C-alpha atoms as a PDB file:
ATOM      1  CA  UNK A   1     125.355  92.357  77.091  1.00  0.00           C
ATOM      2  CA  UNK A   2     124.149  93.641  73.707  1.00  0.00           C
ATOM      3  CA  UNK A   3     122.469  90.434  72.615  1.00  0.00           C
ATOM      4  CA  UNK A   4     120.902  89.897  76.012  1.00  0.00           C
ATOM      5  CA  UNK A   5     119.378  93.350  75.696  1.00  0.00           C
ATOM      6  CA  UNK A   6     117.924  92.359  72.327  1.00  0.00           C
ATOM      7  CA  UNK A   7     116.398  89.142  73.590  1.00  0.00           C
ATOM      8  CA  UNK A   8     115.228  90.269  77.035  1.00  0.00           C
ATOM      9  CA  UNK A   9     112.136  92.092  78.246  1.00  0.00           C
ATOM     10  CA  UNK A  10     114.274  94.240  80.557  1.00  0.00           C
ATOM     11  CA  UNK A  11     117.475  95.928  79.390  1.00  0.00           C
ATOM     12  CA  UNK A  12     120.524  96.203  81.587  1.00  0.00           C
ATOM     13  CA  UNK A  13     121.670  93.685  84.172  1.00  0.00           C
ATOM     14  CA  UNK A  14     120.411  90.515  82.476  1.00  0.00           C
ATOM     15  CA  UNK A  15     123.666  88.641  82.948  1.00  0.00           C
ATOM     16  CA  UNK A  16     123.610  89.439  86.638  1.00  0.00           C
ATOM     17  CA  UNK A  17     120.023  88.229  86.903  1.00  0.00           C
ATOM     18  CA  UNK A  18     120.915  84.970  85.216  1.00  0.00           C
ATOM     19  CA  UNK A  19     123.820  84.693  87.667  1.00  0.00           C
ATOM     20  CA  UNK A  20     126.847  82.472  87.982  1.00  0.00           C
ATOM     21  CA  UNK A  21     129.911  81.842  85.802  1.00  0.00           C
ATOM     22  CA  UNK A  22     127.907  80.377  82.934  1.00  0.00           C
ATOM     23  CA  UNK A  23     126.093  83.696  82.430  1.00  0.00           C
ATOM     24  CA  UNK A  24     129.394  85.528  82.100  1.00  0.00           C
ATOM     25  CA  UNK A  25     130.880  83.405  79.331  1.00  0.00           C
ATOM     26  CA  UNK A  26     130.115  83.474  75.622  1.00  0.00           C
ATOM     27  CA  UNK A  27     127.547  82.602  74.439  1.00  0.00           C
ATOM     28  CA  UNK A  28     124.991  84.117  76.807  1.00  0.00           C
ATOM     29  CA  UNK A  29     121.919  82.482  75.254  1.00  0.00           C
ATOM     30  CA  UNK A  30     121.447  79.253  73.294  1.00  0.00           C
ATOM     31  CA  UNK A  31     118.692  79.017  70.701  1.00  0.00           C
ATOM     32  CA  UNK A  32     117.491  75.936  68.834  1.00  0.00           C
ATOM     33  CA  UNK A  33     116.020  76.965  65.474  1.00  0.00           C
ATOM     34  CA  UNK A  34     113.226  75.438  63.438  1.00  0.00           C
ATOM     35  CA  UNK A  35     111.921  77.229  60.346  1.00  0.00           C
ATOM     36  CA  UNK A  36     109.748  77.012  57.268  1.00  0.00           C
ATOM     37  CA  UNK A  37     110.683  78.611  53.972  1.00  0.00           C
ATOM     38  CA  UNK A  38     107.329  79.861  52.672  1.00  0.00           C
ATOM     39  CA  UNK A  39     107.028  79.706  48.870  1.00  0.00           C
ATOM     40  CA  UNK A  40     104.489  81.260  46.536  1.00  0.00           C
ATOM     41  CA  UNK A  41     102.858  79.319  43.653  1.00  0.00           C
ATOM     42  CA  UNK A  42     105.665  80.516  41.356  1.00  0.00           C
ATOM     43  CA  UNK A  43     108.343  79.000  43.604  1.00  0.00           C
ATOM     44  CA  UNK A  44     109.641  82.308  44.951  1.00  0.00           C
ATOM     45  CA  UNK A  45     110.445  82.528  48.663  1.00  0.00           C
ATOM     46  CA  UNK A  46     108.043  85.050  50.182  1.00  0.00           C
ATOM     47  CA  UNK A  47     108.788  84.589  53.898  1.00  0.00           C
ATOM     48  CA  UNK A  48     110.691  82.645  56.523  1.00  0.00           C
ATOM     49  CA  UNK A  49     108.657  81.419  59.473  1.00  0.00           C
ATOM     50  CA  UNK A  50     110.782  81.028  62.596  1.00  0.00           C
ATOM     51  CA  UNK A  51     110.415  78.970  65.773  1.00  0.00           C
ATOM     52  CA  UNK A  52     113.229  79.724  68.229  1.00  0.00           C
ATOM     53  CA  UNK A  53     113.413  77.649  71.399  1.00  0.00           C
ATOM     54  CA  UNK A  54     115.559  79.250  74.113  1.00  0.00           C
ATOM     55  CA  UNK A  55     117.685  77.468  76.680  1.00  0.00           C
ATOM     56  CA  UNK A  56     116.147  76.814  80.092  1.00  0.00           C
ATOM     57  CA  UNK A  57     118.033  79.628  81.869  1.00  0.00           C
ATOM     58  CA  UNK A  58     116.938  82.318  79.442  1.00  0.00           C
ATOM     59  CA  UNK A  59     113.430  80.821  79.356  1.00  0.00           C
ATOM     60  CA  UNK A  60     113.231  81.096  83.142  1.00  0.00           C
ATOM     61  CA  UNK A  61     114.359  84.729  82.917  1.00  0.00           C
ATOM     62  CA  UNK A  62     111.755  85.851  80.373  1.00  0.00           C
ATOM     63  CA  UNK A  63     108.859  83.918  81.922  1.00  0.00           C
ATOM     64  CA  UNK A  64     109.527  84.819  85.571  1.00  0.00           C
ATOM     65  CA  UNK A  65     106.364  85.895  87.454  1.00  0.00           C
ATOM     66  CA  UNK A  66     104.191  85.738  84.320  1.00  0.00           C
ATOM     67  CA  UNK A  67     102.025  82.718  85.184  1.00  0.00           C
ATOM     68  CA  UNK A  68      98.910  83.205  87.303  1.00  0.00           C
ATOM     69  CA  UNK A  69      98.278  81.323  90.554  1.00  0.00           C
ATOM     70  CA  UNK A  70     101.449  79.305  90.182  1.00  0.00           C
ATOM     71  CA  UNK A  71     100.524  78.073  86.708  1.00  0.00           C
ATOM     72  CA  UNK A  72     102.869  78.189  83.677  1.00  0.00           C
ATOM     73  CA  UNK A  73     102.517  81.332  81.546  1.00  0.00           C
ATOM     74  CA  UNK A  74      99.997  81.192  78.711  1.00  0.00           C
ATOM     75  CA  UNK A  75     100.557  82.527  75.166  1.00  0.00           C
ATOM     76  CA  UNK A  76      98.478  85.544  76.226  1.00  0.00           C
ATOM     77  CA  UNK A  77     100.801  86.183  79.176  1.00  0.00           C
ATOM     78  CA  UNK A  78     103.812  85.940  76.859  1.00  0.00           C
ATOM     79  CA  UNK A  79     102.499  88.076  73.987  1.00  0.00           C
ATOM     80  CA  UNK A  80     104.142  91.306  75.280  1.00  0.00           C
ATOM     81  CA  UNK A  81     107.450  89.427  75.551  1.00  0.00           C
ATOM     82  CA  UNK A  82     107.099  88.224  71.967  1.00  0.00           C
ATOM     83  CA  UNK A  83     106.390  91.768  70.775  1.00  0.00           C
ATOM     84  CA  UNK A  84     109.405  93.178  72.615  1.00  0.00           C
ATOM     85  CA  UNK A  85     111.667  90.523  71.124  1.00  0.00           C
ATOM     86  CA  UNK A  86     110.633  90.879  67.490  1.00  0.00           C
ATOM     87  CA  UNK A  87     110.706  94.691  67.645  1.00  0.00           C
ATOM     88  CA  UNK A  88     114.189  94.644  69.168  1.00  0.00           C
ATOM     89  CA  UNK A  89     115.503  92.190  66.580  1.00  0.00           C
ATOM     90  CA  UNK A  90     114.823  94.517  63.644  1.00  0.00           C
ATOM     91  CA  UNK A  91     118.009  96.515  64.208  1.00  0.00           C
ATOM     92  CA  UNK A  92     120.020  93.329  63.734  1.00  0.00           C
ATOM     93  CA  UNK A  93     118.216  91.960  60.665  1.00  0.00           C
ATOM     94  CA  UNK A  94     116.505  89.369  62.859  1.00  0.00           C
ATOM     95  CA  UNK A  95     119.783  87.398  62.877  1.00  0.00           C
ATOM     96  CA  UNK A  96     118.508  85.945  59.586  1.00  0.00           C
ATOM     97  CA  UNK A  97     120.937  86.255  56.694  1.00  0.00           C
ATOM     98  CA  UNK A  98     119.380  85.353  53.371  1.00  0.00           C
ATOM     99  CA  UNK A  99     121.250  85.530  50.091  1.00  0.00           C
ATOM    100  CA  UNK A 100     120.232  85.324  46.452  1.00  0.00           C
ATOM    101  CA  UNK A 101     122.941  85.257  43.812  1.00  0.00           C
ATOM    102  CA  UNK A 102     125.407  86.241  46.524  1.00  0.00           C
ATOM    103  CA  UNK A 103     123.476  89.389  47.458  1.00  0.00           C
ATOM    104  CA  UNK A 104     121.690  89.849  50.810  1.00  0.00           C
ATOM    105  CA  UNK A 105     117.904  90.015  50.875  1.00  0.00           C
ATOM    106  CA  UNK A 106     115.863  92.475  52.939  1.00  0.00           C
ATOM    107  CA  UNK A 107     112.876  91.894  55.179  1.00  0.00           C
ATOM    108  CA  UNK A 108     109.691  93.691  56.106  1.00  0.00           C
ATOM    109  CA  UNK A 109     108.446  93.884  59.681  1.00  0.00           C
ATOM    110  CA  UNK A 110     107.674  90.485  61.226  1.00  0.00           C
ATOM    111  CA  UNK A 111     104.091  89.354  61.641  1.00  0.00           C
ATOM    112  CA  UNK A 112     102.123  86.574  63.354  1.00  0.00           C
ATOM    113  CA  UNK A 113     104.465  86.650  66.322  1.00  0.00           C
ATOM    114  CA  UNK A 114     103.796  84.732  69.527  1.00  0.00           C
ATOM    115  CA  UNK A 115     105.574  82.929  72.345  1.00  0.00           C
ATOM    116  CA  UNK A 116     104.758  79.629  74.034  1.00  0.00           C
ATOM    117  CA  UNK A 117     106.103  77.879  77.114  1.00  0.00           C
ATOM    118  CA  UNK A 118     106.615  74.131  77.538  1.00  0.00           C
ATOM    119  CA  UNK A 119     106.319  73.373  81.278  1.00  0.00           C
ATOM    120  CA  UNK A 120     107.687  69.855  80.832  1.00  0.00           C
ATOM    121  CA  UNK A 121     111.022  70.944  79.334  1.00  0.00           C
ATOM    122  CA  UNK A 122     110.823  74.407  80.936  1.00  0.00           C
ATOM    123  CA  UNK A 123     111.653  76.222  77.709  1.00  0.00           C
ATOM    124  CA  UNK A 124     110.072  79.132  75.847  1.00  0.00           C
ATOM    125  CA  UNK A 125     109.687  79.320  72.069  1.00  0.00           C
ATOM    126  CA  UNK A 126     109.391  82.527  70.032  1.00  0.00           C
ATOM    127  CA  UNK A 127     107.435  82.206  66.778  1.00  0.00           C
ATOM    128  CA  UNK A 128     107.303  84.827  64.040  1.00  0.00           C
ATOM    129  CA  UNK A 129     106.961  85.153  60.280  1.00  0.00           C
ATOM    130  CA  UNK A 130     109.572  87.255  58.480  1.00  0.00           C
ATOM    131  CA  UNK A 131     108.340  88.448  55.046  1.00  0.00           C
ATOM    132  CA  UNK A 132     110.912  89.184  52.353  1.00  0.00           C
ATOM    133  CA  UNK A 133     110.646  92.710  50.986  1.00  0.00           C
ATOM    134  CA  UNK A 134     110.937  91.243  47.490  1.00  0.00           C
ATOM    135  CA  UNK A 135     110.152  87.556  46.846  1.00  0.00           C
ATOM    136  CA  UNK A 136     113.341  85.635  46.089  1.00  0.00           C
ATOM    137  CA  UNK A 137     113.769  83.592  42.911  1.00  0.00           C
ATOM    138  CA  UNK A 138     114.787  80.000  43.529  1.00  0.00           C
ATOM    139  CA  UNK A 139     115.844  78.902  40.058  1.00  0.00           C
ATOM    140  CA  UNK A 140     119.246  79.949  41.329  1.00  0.00           C
ATOM    141  CA  UNK A 141     119.386  78.683  44.884  1.00  0.00           C
ATOM    142  CA  UNK A 142     118.258  80.915  47.722  1.00  0.00           C
ATOM    143  CA  UNK A 143     120.124  80.336  50.998  1.00  0.00           C
ATOM    144  CA  UNK A 144     119.665  81.582  54.534  1.00  0.00           C
ATOM    145  CA  UNK A 145     121.435  81.156  57.843  1.00  0.00           C
ATOM    146  CA  UNK A 146     120.550  82.185  61.389  1.00  0.00           C
ATOM    147  CA  UNK A 147     123.389  83.456  63.568  1.00  0.00           C
ATOM    148  CA  UNK A 148     124.566  86.309  65.796  1.00  0.00           C
ATOM    149  CA  UNK A 149     127.784  87.798  64.365  1.00  0.00           C
ATOM    150  CA  UNK A 150     129.034  88.639  67.867  1.00  0.00           C
ATOM    151  CA  UNK A 151     128.349  85.086  69.089  1.00  0.00           C
ATOM    152  CA  UNK A 152     126.657  86.374  72.243  1.00  0.00           C
ATOM    153  CA  UNK A 153     123.722  84.213  71.159  1.00  0.00           C
ATOM    154  CA  UNK A 154     124.476  80.721  69.833  1.00  0.00           C
ATOM    155  CA  UNK A 155     121.919  79.705  67.218  1.00  0.00           C
ATOM    156  CA  UNK A 156     121.788  76.196  65.776  1.00  0.00           C
ATOM    157  CA  UNK A 157     119.287  74.371  63.622  1.00  0.00           C
ATOM    158  CA  UNK A 158     117.292  71.889  65.651  1.00  0.00           C
ATOM    159  CA  UNK A 159     118.174  68.226  65.291  1.00  0.00           C
ATOM    160  CA  UNK A 160     116.037  66.283  62.846  1.00  0.00           C
ATOM    161  CA  UNK A 161     113.944  68.108  60.256  1.00  0.00           C
ATOM    162  CA  UNK A 162     114.861  71.629  61.293  1.00  0.00           C
ATOM    163  CA  UNK A 163     113.752  73.435  58.107  1.00  0.00           C
ATOM    164  CA  UNK A 164     110.787  72.635  55.884  1.00  0.00           C
ATOM    165  CA  UNK A 165     109.233  73.998  52.726  1.00  0.00           C
ATOM    166  CA  UNK A 166     105.712  75.387  52.775  1.00  0.00           C
ATOM    167  CA  UNK A 167     103.844  75.862  49.505  1.00  0.00           C
ATOM    168  CA  UNK A 168     105.470  76.206  46.094  1.00  0.00           C
ATOM    169  CA  UNK A 169     105.251  74.019  42.977  1.00  0.00           C
ATOM    170  CA  UNK A 170     106.304  70.390  42.749  1.00  0.00           C
ATOM    171  CA  UNK A 171     110.003  69.726  42.369  1.00  0.00           C
ATOM    172  CA  UNK A 172     111.249  72.313  44.865  1.00  0.00           C
ATOM    173  CA  UNK A 173     113.918  71.018  47.218  1.00  0.00           C
ATOM    174  CA  UNK A 174     115.591  72.016  50.464  1.00  0.00           C
ATOM    175  CA  UNK A 175     119.064  71.100  51.685  1.00  0.00           C
ATOM    176  CA  UNK A 176     120.896  71.794  54.942  1.00  0.00           C
ATOM    177  CA  UNK A 177     124.562  72.697  54.498  1.00  0.00           C
ATOM    178  CA  UNK A 178     126.680  71.936  57.557  1.00  0.00           C
ATOM    179  CA  UNK A 179     129.715  74.113  58.388  1.00  0.00           C
ATOM    180  CA  UNK A 180     133.265  72.836  58.018  1.00  0.00           C
ATOM    181  CA  UNK A 181     134.924  71.775  61.248  1.00  0.00           C
ATOM    182  CA  UNK A 182     137.288  74.298  62.820  1.00  0.00           C
ATOM    183  CA  UNK A 183     140.965  73.455  62.738  1.00  0.00           C
ATOM    184  CA  UNK A 184     142.963  73.141  65.973  1.00  0.00           C
ATOM    185  CA  UNK A 185     144.082  76.790  66.089  1.00  0.00           C
ATOM    186  CA  UNK A 186     140.565  78.079  65.407  1.00  0.00           C
ATOM    187  CA  UNK A 187     139.048  75.827  68.048  1.00  0.00           C
ATOM    188  CA  UNK A 188     141.624  77.050  70.565  1.00  0.00           C
ATOM    189  CA  UNK A 189     140.730  80.676  69.801  1.00  0.00           C
ATOM    190  CA  UNK A 190     137.026  79.937  70.187  1.00  0.00           C
ATOM    191  CA  UNK A 191     137.562  78.151  73.505  1.00  0.00           C
ATOM    192  CA  UNK A 192     139.623  81.077  74.780  1.00  0.00           C
ATOM    193  CA  UNK A 193     136.937  83.574  73.746  1.00  0.00           C
ATOM    194  CA  UNK A 194     134.269  81.586  75.569  1.00  0.00           C
ATOM    195  CA  UNK A 195     136.308  81.194  78.751  1.00  0.00           C
ATOM    196  CA  UNK A 196     137.489  84.828  78.868  1.00  0.00           C
ATOM    197  CA  UNK A 197     134.158  86.373  77.832  1.00  0.00           C
ATOM    198  CA  UNK A 198     135.008  88.129  74.581  1.00  0.00           C
ATOM    199  CA  UNK A 199     133.683  87.738  71.067  1.00  0.00           C
ATOM    200  CA  UNK A 200     135.778  85.481  68.823  1.00  0.00           C
ATOM    201  CA  UNK A 201     134.863  87.731  65.865  1.00  0.00           C
ATOM    202  CA  UNK A 202     132.121  87.825  63.269  1.00  0.00           C
ATOM    203  CA  UNK A 203     133.838  85.301  61.030  1.00  0.00           C
ATOM    204  CA  UNK A 204     133.468  82.562  63.634  1.00  0.00           C
ATOM    205  CA  UNK A 205     129.707  82.898  63.945  1.00  0.00           C
ATOM    206  CA  UNK A 206     129.383  82.914  60.157  1.00  0.00           C
ATOM    207  CA  UNK A 207     131.548  79.829  59.762  1.00  0.00           C
ATOM    208  CA  UNK A 208     129.797  77.904  62.526  1.00  0.00           C
ATOM    209  CA  UNK A 209     126.309  78.517  61.123  1.00  0.00           C
ATOM    210  CA  UNK A 210     124.183  75.909  59.380  1.00  0.00           C
ATOM    211  CA  UNK A 211     122.662  77.038  56.083  1.00  0.00           C
ATOM    212  CA  UNK A 212     119.402  76.155  54.407  1.00  0.00           C
ATOM    213  CA  UNK A 213     119.290  76.126  50.597  1.00  0.00           C
ATOM    214  CA  UNK A 214     116.052  76.281  48.628  1.00  0.00           C
ATOM    215  CA  UNK A 215     115.896  75.508  44.899  1.00  0.00           C
ATOM    216  CA  UNK A 216     112.992  75.105  42.459  1.00  0.00           C
ATOM    217  CA  UNK A 217     113.069  73.915  38.839  1.00  0.00           C
END
């Protein structure tokens, strides 16, 4: 319930509102992630710009009754939802775990946040820019991953070009590091956690997360 509270406009009985067995199992929400690593002229990472597309069930929940005259909700209709989401995410480091030289980076409050709705696919997308408190050097690679340690929310990088570089000098590069496959015992534990509605543990979410690595000469 914790992660649903973070990502919902109404706290409390979100799982009951979503309804059915699927809402009771882990994960509760699925999020497809696209992002840009924003670089300054010196090649330091100054921000991460996120675009999180939610699954259709959660999208239906957060957009319910927001459109006017039967029309899909507009970005203006969804702006309060976007604000609630980004403000709630602060307590959990925005599920964005950046590291430089093995040490975690910190973030300032998000800015330029918005939410859009795609009526064709019936999904909502949360957009926000997450500034780093101190720009991160990239001569030694800067990495970041997006995941919920409790695995209530399943984040995954979108298929295709999920992360891009914005700005920076020539020669900067970006790589996506895929997680190692779980062995048979680990997969069994994860399946059990999902079917019996308990968290498999923080280590699982960490190990299942894709990572983006940014390096500049």
